[in-house]
Amino acid sequence: MENHSKVRVYELAHEFDVTTQVVLEACVKAGLNVKSHSGTIEDADVWAAVKAVKAAAQK
């Protein structure tokens, strides 16, 4: 992702070509508070979310 600011779960899923469920589960495992596909990941948490989603996508 080029500009890491607030992102929605579905945007992150699209970026990494995974389902929103994969993103939600990865975020929860990373300790982030997101609840739905349209949930927003705050600026400070975007990198943690990206790292978690990349790890989940590789499995």
N, C-alpha and C. Protein backbone atom coordinates (compact mmCIF):
# COMPACT_ATOMS: atom_id res chain seq x y z
N MET A 1 0.85 -1.17 0.00
CA MET A 1 0.00 0.00 0.00
C MET A 1 0.89 1.23 0.00
N GLU A 2 0.59 2.13 -0.85
CA GLU A 2 1.41 3.33 -1.00
C GLU A 2 1.27 4.29 0.17
N ASN A 3 0.06 4.77 0.40
CA ASN A 3 -0.18 5.78 1.42
C ASN A 3 -0.82 5.13 2.63
N HIS A 4 -0.03 4.93 3.67
CA HIS A 4 -0.56 4.26 4.86
C HIS A 4 -1.14 5.29 5.81
N SER A 5 -2.42 5.51 5.67
CA SER A 5 -3.17 6.32 6.62
C SER A 5 -4.37 5.47 6.99
N LYS A 6 -5.45 6.06 7.39
CA LYS A 6 -6.63 5.25 7.73
C LYS A 6 -7.06 4.44 6.52
N VAL A 7 -7.31 3.17 6.75
CA VAL A 7 -7.82 2.31 5.68
C VAL A 7 -8.97 1.47 6.21
N ARG A 8 -9.81 1.08 5.32
CA ARG A 8 -10.91 0.19 5.68
C ARG A 8 -10.46 -1.25 5.45
N VAL A 9 -11.08 -2.15 6.19
CA VAL A 9 -10.73 -3.56 6.12
C VAL A 9 -10.86 -4.07 4.69
N TYR A 10 -11.94 -3.72 4.01
CA TYR A 10 -12.14 -4.21 2.65
C TYR A 10 -11.09 -3.68 1.68
N GLU A 11 -10.56 -2.48 1.93
CA GLU A 11 -9.50 -1.95 1.08
C GLU A 11 -8.21 -2.76 1.24
N LEU A 12 -7.91 -3.11 2.46
CA LEU A 12 -6.73 -3.92 2.74
C LEU A 12 -6.88 -5.30 2.12
N ALA A 13 -8.06 -5.87 2.20
CA ALA A 13 -8.33 -7.17 1.60
C ALA A 13 -8.12 -7.11 0.09
N HIS A 14 -8.61 -6.07 -0.53
CA HIS A 14 -8.46 -5.91 -1.97
C HIS A 14 -6.99 -5.76 -2.35
N GLU A 15 -6.25 -4.97 -1.57
CA GLU A 15 -4.84 -4.72 -1.84
C GLU A 15 -4.02 -6.02 -1.82
N PHE A 16 -4.34 -6.94 -0.91
CA PHE A 16 -3.58 -8.17 -0.78
C PHE A 16 -4.28 -9.38 -1.39
N ASP A 17 -5.39 -9.14 -2.07
CA ASP A 17 -6.14 -10.19 -2.76
C ASP A 17 -6.50 -11.34 -1.82
N VAL A 18 -7.06 -10.98 -0.68
CA VAL A 18 -7.56 -11.95 0.29
C VAL A 18 -8.97 -11.54 0.67
N THR A 19 -9.67 -12.41 1.37
CA THR A 19 -11.03 -12.07 1.79
C THR A 19 -10.99 -11.12 2.99
N THR A 20 -12.10 -10.46 3.21
CA THR A 20 -12.17 -9.57 4.37
C THR A 20 -12.08 -10.38 5.66
N GLN A 21 -12.54 -11.62 5.62
CA GLN A 21 -12.46 -12.48 6.81
C GLN A 21 -11.00 -12.72 7.19
N VAL A 22 -10.13 -12.92 6.21
CA VAL A 22 -8.70 -13.11 6.48
C VAL A 22 -8.13 -11.86 7.15
N VAL A 23 -8.51 -10.70 6.63
CA VAL A 23 -8.02 -9.44 7.20
C VAL A 23 -8.54 -9.26 8.62
N LEU A 24 -9.83 -9.51 8.84
CA LEU A 24 -10.40 -9.37 10.17
C LEU A 24 -9.70 -10.28 11.18
N GLU A 25 -9.50 -11.54 10.80
CA GLU A 25 -8.83 -12.48 11.70
C GLU A 25 -7.39 -12.07 11.98
N ALA A 26 -6.69 -11.61 10.96
CA ALA A 26 -5.30 -11.17 11.14
C ALA A 26 -5.23 -9.96 12.06
N CYS A 27 -6.16 -9.05 11.90
CA CYS A 27 -6.18 -7.85 12.75
C CYS A 27 -6.48 -8.20 14.20
N VAL A 28 -7.42 -9.10 14.41
CA VAL A 28 -7.76 -9.52 15.77
C VAL A 28 -6.55 -10.18 16.42
N LYS A 29 -5.85 -11.06 15.67
CA LYS A 29 -4.65 -11.71 16.20
C LYS A 29 -3.56 -10.69 16.52
N ALA A 30 -3.52 -9.59 15.77
CA ALA A 30 -2.54 -8.54 16.00
C ALA A 30 -2.97 -7.59 17.12
N GLY A 31 -4.16 -7.84 17.68
CA GLY A 31 -4.64 -7.02 18.79
C GLY A 31 -5.35 -5.75 18.38
N LEU A 32 -5.76 -5.68 17.13
CA LEU A 32 -6.45 -4.48 16.65
C LEU A 32 -7.95 -4.64 16.81
N ASN A 33 -8.62 -3.56 17.10
CA ASN A 33 -10.05 -3.58 17.35
C ASN A 33 -10.83 -3.23 16.08
N VAL A 34 -11.07 -4.25 15.26
CA VAL A 34 -11.90 -4.08 14.07
C VAL A 34 -13.00 -5.12 14.12
N LYS A 35 -14.17 -4.75 13.64
CA LYS A 35 -15.32 -5.64 13.80
C LYS A 35 -16.03 -6.01 12.50
N SER A 36 -15.80 -5.25 11.43
CA SER A 36 -16.51 -5.56 10.19
C SER A 36 -15.67 -5.19 8.98
N HIS A 37 -16.17 -5.59 7.81
CA HIS A 37 -15.45 -5.32 6.56
C HIS A 37 -15.30 -3.83 6.28
N SER A 38 -16.21 -3.04 6.81
CA SER A 38 -16.14 -1.60 6.58
C SER A 38 -15.49 -0.85 7.74
N GLY A 39 -14.98 -1.61 8.70
CA GLY A 39 -14.31 -0.99 9.83
C GLY A 39 -13.04 -0.27 9.40
N THR A 40 -12.68 0.76 10.15
CA THR A 40 -11.51 1.56 9.84
C THR A 40 -10.35 1.15 10.73
N ILE A 41 -9.19 1.04 10.12
CA ILE A 41 -7.96 0.79 10.87
C ILE A 41 -7.27 2.13 11.00
N GLU A 42 -7.03 2.54 12.23
CA GLU A 42 -6.45 3.85 12.51
C GLU A 42 -5.01 3.97 12.02
N ASP A 43 -4.57 5.21 11.82
CA ASP A 43 -3.23 5.51 11.31
C ASP A 43 -2.14 4.73 12.04
N ALA A 44 -2.16 4.75 13.35
CA ALA A 44 -1.11 4.13 14.14
C ALA A 44 -1.10 2.61 14.01
N ASP A 45 -2.21 2.02 13.57
CA ASP A 45 -2.32 0.56 13.50
C ASP A 45 -2.18 -0.01 12.09
N VAL A 46 -2.07 0.84 11.10
CA VAL A 46 -2.04 0.37 9.72
C VAL A 46 -0.85 -0.56 9.47
N TRP A 47 0.32 -0.18 9.94
CA TRP A 47 1.50 -1.03 9.68
C TRP A 47 1.35 -2.39 10.35
N ALA A 48 0.82 -2.43 11.56
CA ALA A 48 0.61 -3.70 12.24
C ALA A 48 -0.39 -4.55 11.46
N ALA A 49 -1.42 -3.92 10.93
CA ALA A 49 -2.42 -4.64 10.14
C ALA A 49 -1.82 -5.19 8.86
N VAL A 50 -1.02 -4.37 8.18
CA VAL A 50 -0.38 -4.81 6.94
C VAL A 50 0.53 -6.00 7.21
N LYS A 51 1.31 -5.92 8.26
CA LYS A 51 2.21 -7.01 8.61
C LYS A 51 1.43 -8.29 8.91
N ALA A 52 0.35 -8.18 9.66
CA ALA A 52 -0.47 -9.33 10.00
C ALA A 52 -1.14 -9.93 8.78
N VAL A 53 -1.63 -9.09 7.88
CA VAL A 53 -2.30 -9.58 6.67
C VAL A 53 -1.29 -10.25 5.75
N LYS A 54 -0.11 -9.68 5.61
CA LYS A 54 0.93 -10.31 4.78
C LYS A 54 1.26 -11.70 5.30
N ALA A 55 1.40 -11.82 6.61
CA ALA A 55 1.69 -13.13 7.21
C ALA A 55 0.55 -14.11 6.98
N ALA A 56 -0.68 -13.65 7.12
CA ALA A 56 -1.84 -14.52 6.92
C ALA A 56 -1.97 -14.91 5.45
N ALA A 57 -1.66 -14.01 4.54
CA ALA A 57 -1.79 -14.27 3.11
C ALA A 57 -0.76 -15.30 2.64
N GLN A 58 0.34 -15.41 3.33
CA GLN A 58 1.39 -16.35 2.93
C GLN A 58 1.08 -17.78 3.37
N LYS A 59 0.13 -17.96 4.28
CA LYS A 59 -0.21 -19.30 4.77
C LYS A 59 -1.02 -20.07 3.76
